[in-house]
Amino acid sequence: GSEPVFLDGWAVPHEMRGRSLQELAREAAAHFSDEASLWASLRGQVQPAYQLYCAGPDGSRENVSPVWERPAAHERVPSLREMLEPRWRDGWSSTIASGHPRQRTVAVSPRGGTLVVFDAVAVTHEV
């Protein structure tokens, strides 16, 4: 369809599934002399995964991509189009595709957890 797609930039990464950040900190604490060094290390090691989703007919979250883990430093980050399941890609329209017939005005409700990604210079918008 033509519904907006959102990026969840805080999906739980694989290495944290079933554990909290506090538990990871307790496991690593013995290797650091102070708490600031511990948290700095964890920030560098544990990064959130991400996933694309849209709102389903009943307003619930409908995932439209698998969970993508943070790529290794030498790997390229996939584009949002590449993150979509192949069956959705032909209908994909983004702010990069200027004048695309499927582009339309979208009103986004400012609910917590909603992230809208767009080029604020190229796309006329209201806040």
Protein backbone atom coordinates (compact mmCIF):
# COMPACT_ATOMS: atom_id res chain seq x y z
CA GLY A 1 0.00 0.00 0.00
CA SER A 2 0.80 3.63 0.29
CA GLU A 3 0.93 3.86 4.08
CA PRO A 4 3.88 5.58 5.74
CA VAL A 5 6.77 3.39 6.89
CA PHE A 6 8.63 4.16 10.10
CA LEU A 7 12.11 3.27 11.31
CA ASP A 8 12.38 1.81 14.82
CA GLY A 9 15.94 2.71 15.75
CA TRP A 10 15.75 1.04 19.17
CA ALA A 11 15.07 -2.62 18.43
CA VAL A 12 16.75 -4.99 20.89
CA PRO A 13 20.08 -6.19 19.44
CA HIS A 14 20.78 -9.91 19.25
CA GLU A 15 23.38 -9.91 22.04
CA MET A 16 20.82 -8.40 24.46
CA ARG A 17 17.80 -10.58 23.79
CA GLY A 18 16.51 -11.75 27.14
CA ARG A 19 18.87 -9.48 29.11
CA SER A 20 18.78 -5.87 30.24
CA LEU A 21 21.53 -3.28 29.87
CA GLN A 22 21.97 -3.41 33.65
CA GLU A 23 22.69 -7.15 33.45
CA LEU A 24 25.30 -6.58 30.73
CA ALA A 25 26.89 -3.88 32.91
CA ARG A 26 27.08 -6.22 35.92
CA GLU A 27 28.74 -8.91 33.76
CA ALA A 28 31.37 -6.46 32.46
CA ALA A 29 31.93 -4.39 35.63
CA ALA A 30 34.94 -6.42 36.85
CA HIS A 31 36.91 -5.32 33.76
CA PHE A 32 36.66 -1.57 34.49
CA SER A 33 38.01 0.63 37.27
CA ASP A 34 35.11 3.10 37.21
CA GLU A 35 31.51 3.32 36.10
CA ALA A 36 32.14 5.99 33.43
CA SER A 37 34.61 3.71 31.62
CA LEU A 38 32.19 0.80 31.88
CA TRP A 39 29.30 2.71 30.30
CA ALA A 40 31.55 4.25 27.63
CA SER A 41 32.63 0.75 26.65
CA LEU A 42 29.06 -0.56 26.57
CA ARG A 43 27.96 2.36 24.36
CA GLY A 44 30.65 1.41 21.88
CA GLN A 45 29.83 -2.31 21.94
CA VAL A 46 26.06 -2.53 22.29
CA GLN A 47 24.15 -0.60 19.69
CA PRO A 48 20.42 -0.90 19.09
CA ALA A 49 19.23 -2.87 16.10
CA TYR A 50 16.65 -1.34 13.77
CA GLN A 51 13.51 -2.37 11.93
CA LEU A 52 10.98 -0.84 9.54
CA TYR A 53 7.29 -0.95 10.43
CA CYS A 54 3.95 0.61 9.55
CA ALA A 55 0.61 0.91 11.32
CA GLY A 56 -1.74 -2.00 10.63
CA PRO A 57 -5.45 -1.54 9.88
CA ASP A 58 -6.27 -1.65 13.60
CA GLY A 59 -3.44 0.75 14.51
CA SER A 60 -1.12 -1.98 15.76
CA ARG A 61 2.49 -2.23 14.68
CA GLU A 62 3.10 -4.27 11.51
CA ASN A 63 6.79 -5.08 10.88
CA VAL A 64 7.78 -4.73 7.22
CA SER A 65 11.41 -5.75 7.53
CA PRO A 66 13.48 -8.17 9.56
CA VAL A 67 15.46 -6.78 12.50
CA TRP A 68 18.76 -5.43 11.16
CA GLU A 69 21.74 -5.60 13.48
CA ARG A 70 24.37 -2.87 13.48
CA PRO A 71 26.73 -3.72 10.61
CA ALA A 72 30.43 -4.26 11.27
CA ALA A 73 32.62 -1.19 10.75
CA HIS A 74 33.75 -2.44 7.33
CA GLU A 75 30.18 -3.18 6.11
CA ARG A 76 27.81 -0.80 4.37
CA VAL A 77 24.57 0.21 6.08
CA PRO A 78 21.61 -0.85 3.91
CA SER A 79 19.28 1.79 2.51
CA LEU A 80 15.72 1.90 3.82
CA ARG A 81 14.54 0.40 0.50
CA GLU A 82 16.98 -2.51 0.88
CA MET A 83 15.65 -3.14 4.37
CA LEU A 84 12.14 -3.76 3.02
CA GLU A 85 10.97 -7.24 2.12
CA PRO A 86 11.42 -7.75 -1.66
CA ARG A 87 7.65 -7.83 -2.25
CA TRP A 88 7.37 -4.22 -1.00
CA ARG A 89 10.29 -2.70 -2.90
CA ASP A 90 8.55 -1.94 -6.21
CA GLY A 91 6.03 0.25 -4.42
CA TRP A 92 8.61 2.10 -2.36
CA SER A 93 8.61 5.86 -2.66
CA SER A 94 10.85 8.13 -0.65
CA THR A 95 11.75 11.79 -0.46
CA ILE A 96 14.63 11.05 -2.83
CA ALA A 97 12.23 10.15 -5.65
CA SER A 98 11.09 13.73 -6.34
CA GLY A 99 7.84 13.90 -8.25
CA HIS A 100 7.10 10.21 -7.76
CA PRO A 101 3.38 9.63 -8.49
CA ARG A 102 2.95 7.74 -5.21
CA GLN A 103 4.19 10.58 -3.01
CA ARG A 104 1.53 12.33 -0.95
CA THR A 105 1.14 14.51 2.11
CA VAL A 106 1.24 12.52 5.32
CA ALA A 107 0.10 13.79 8.71
CA VAL A 108 2.03 12.03 11.47
CA SER A 109 0.65 11.93 14.98
CA PRO A 110 3.32 12.88 17.54
CA ARG A 111 3.05 9.68 19.58
CA GLY A 112 5.95 8.50 21.70
CA GLY A 113 8.06 5.96 19.83
CA THR A 114 7.28 7.39 16.39
CA LEU A 115 10.23 8.41 14.27
CA VAL A 116 9.81 10.00 10.86
CA VAL A 117 12.90 10.14 8.68
CA PHE A 118 13.07 12.67 5.84
CA ASP A 119 15.32 15.32 4.33
CA ALA A 120 14.18 18.47 6.15
CA VAL A 121 15.80 20.70 3.51
CA ALA A 122 14.20 19.01 0.51
CA VAL A 123 10.79 18.24 2.01
CA THR A 124 8.37 21.03 2.91
CA HIS A 125 7.11 20.26 6.40
CA GLU A 126 5.44 21.68 9.49
CA VAL A 127 6.40 20.95 13.08
